[in-house]
Protein backbone atom coordinates (compact mmCIF):
# COMPACT_ATOMS: atom_id res chain seq x y z
CA MET A 1 -0.06 -0.01 -0.01
CA SER A 2 1.22 3.47 -0.94
CA LYS A 3 1.55 6.21 1.85
CA PHE A 4 -2.00 7.75 2.15
CA LYS A 5 -3.55 10.38 4.37
CA PRO A 6 -6.95 8.93 5.24
CA LYS A 7 -9.92 10.92 4.09
CA LEU A 8 -13.68 10.87 3.40
CA VAL A 9 -14.67 9.43 -0.15
CA ARG A 10 -17.67 9.19 -1.83
CA ASP A 11 -19.55 5.74 -0.83
CA LYS A 12 -18.54 4.02 -4.22
CA ILE A 13 -14.90 4.71 -4.42
CA PRO A 14 -13.82 1.58 -2.89
CA GLU A 15 -15.75 -0.49 -5.28
CA ILE A 16 -14.33 1.69 -7.91
CA ILE A 17 -10.83 0.87 -6.98
CA GLN A 18 -11.45 -2.60 -6.70
CA SER A 19 -13.05 -2.75 -10.08
CA LYS A 20 -9.88 -1.59 -11.46
CA GLY A 21 -7.96 -4.49 -10.10
CA LYS A 22 -6.64 -2.40 -7.34
CA SER A 23 -6.84 -3.04 -3.38
CA CYS A 24 -7.52 -0.52 -0.81
CA LEU A 25 -8.01 -0.40 2.90
CA TYR A 26 -11.01 1.67 4.49
CA HIS A 27 -13.15 1.89 7.69
CA ILE A 28 -16.34 3.54 8.52
CA ALA A 29 -15.84 6.39 10.55
CA ASP A 30 -17.63 6.79 14.21
CA LYS A 31 -19.62 10.24 14.21
CA ASP A 32 -16.87 12.18 15.78
CA GLU A 33 -14.65 11.13 13.08
CA TYR A 34 -17.15 11.48 10.59
CA LEU A 35 -17.73 15.20 11.47
CA ILE A 36 -14.14 15.97 11.34
CA ARG A 37 -13.63 14.34 7.98
CA LEU A 38 -16.72 16.24 6.61
CA LYS A 39 -15.07 19.37 7.69
CA GLU A 40 -11.73 18.44 6.17
CA LYS A 41 -13.72 17.44 2.87
CA LEU A 42 -15.54 20.75 2.56
CA HIS A 43 -12.23 23.06 3.06
CA GLU A 44 -10.82 20.62 0.44
CA GLU A 45 -13.67 20.90 -1.96
CA ALA A 46 -13.90 24.66 -1.41
CA THR A 47 -10.37 25.26 -2.13
CA GLU A 48 -10.61 23.18 -5.12
CA LEU A 49 -13.58 25.53 -6.07
CA THR A 50 -11.95 28.65 -5.43
CA GLN A 51 -8.65 27.53 -7.64
CA GLN A 52 -10.83 26.23 -10.75
CA PRO A 53 -14.05 27.39 -10.49
CA CYS A 54 -16.50 24.92 -12.34
CA LEU A 55 -19.59 22.85 -12.19
CA GLU A 56 -18.06 19.74 -11.01
CA GLU A 57 -16.32 21.32 -8.07
CA ALA A 58 -19.25 23.36 -7.52
CA ALA A 59 -21.42 20.31 -7.21
CA ASP A 60 -18.62 18.54 -4.87
CA VAL A 61 -18.95 21.61 -2.61
CA ILE A 62 -22.78 21.18 -2.39
CA ALA A 63 -22.84 17.68 -1.98
CA VAL A 64 -20.31 17.85 1.06
CA PHE A 65 -22.14 20.94 2.49
CA VAL A 66 -25.49 19.04 2.59
CA THR A 67 -24.20 15.91 4.06
CA LEU A 68 -22.39 18.03 6.74
CA LEU A 69 -25.87 19.72 7.62
CA GLU A 70 -27.71 16.43 7.75
CA ALA A 71 -24.71 14.92 10.14
CA CYS A 72 -25.23 18.03 12.35
CA ASP A 73 -28.95 17.45 12.41
CA LEU A 74 -29.47 20.74 10.13
CA ASP A 75 -31.96 21.02 7.78
CA LEU A 76 -31.36 22.38 4.51
CA ALA A 77 -34.74 24.06 4.02
CA ASP A 78 -34.25 25.78 7.37
CA VAL A 79 -30.87 27.17 6.50
CA VAL A 80 -31.84 28.24 3.08
CA LEU A 81 -34.71 30.29 5.08
CA HIS A 82 -32.04 31.63 7.41
CA ALA A 83 -29.85 32.68 4.75
CA VAL A 84 -32.84 34.49 2.71
CA THR A 85 -33.76 36.33 6.18
CA LYS A 86 -30.23 37.23 6.65
CA GLU A 87 -30.03 38.44 3.24
CA ASN A 88 -33.14 40.76 3.45
CA GLU A 89 -31.85 42.08 6.60
CA ARG A 90 -28.19 42.69 5.98
CA GLY A 91 -27.88 42.32 2.03
CA ALA A 92 -26.21 39.91 -0.18
CA PHE A 93 -22.52 39.89 -1.40
CA VAL A 94 -23.45 41.17 -4.92
CA GLU A 95 -22.28 44.95 -4.64
CA LYS A 96 -18.64 43.94 -3.87
CA ILE A 97 -18.47 46.04 -1.13
CA ILE A 98 -15.19 46.03 0.89
CA LEU A 99 -15.19 47.25 4.53
CA ASP A 100 -11.56 48.78 4.98
CA ALA A 101 -12.01 50.31 8.45
CA VAL A 102 -14.89 51.38 10.99
CA ASP A 103 -14.30 54.53 13.20
CA GLU A 104 -14.86 53.89 16.64
């Protein structure tokens, strides 16, 4: 086996690896490790999206984000509603406003 840092992968990845005649080791995470690995994966996918904005990377971010919400017992519909409420109250990010300083 090659040196490999354990990471969360999509459910069918071990099967895909094995179908190509390769072997792999994997385990099923407990809840604590799962949350840690989901957060790592979200950072990984968000970094990839910022480096190469494209449909595939955006889809990966959404997939991990939704899974993380579910793992944290948060409902996507509730999150979207809250986001809309915040946007209505505080605005969005479309006007490209950069806050440089605040006079205390």
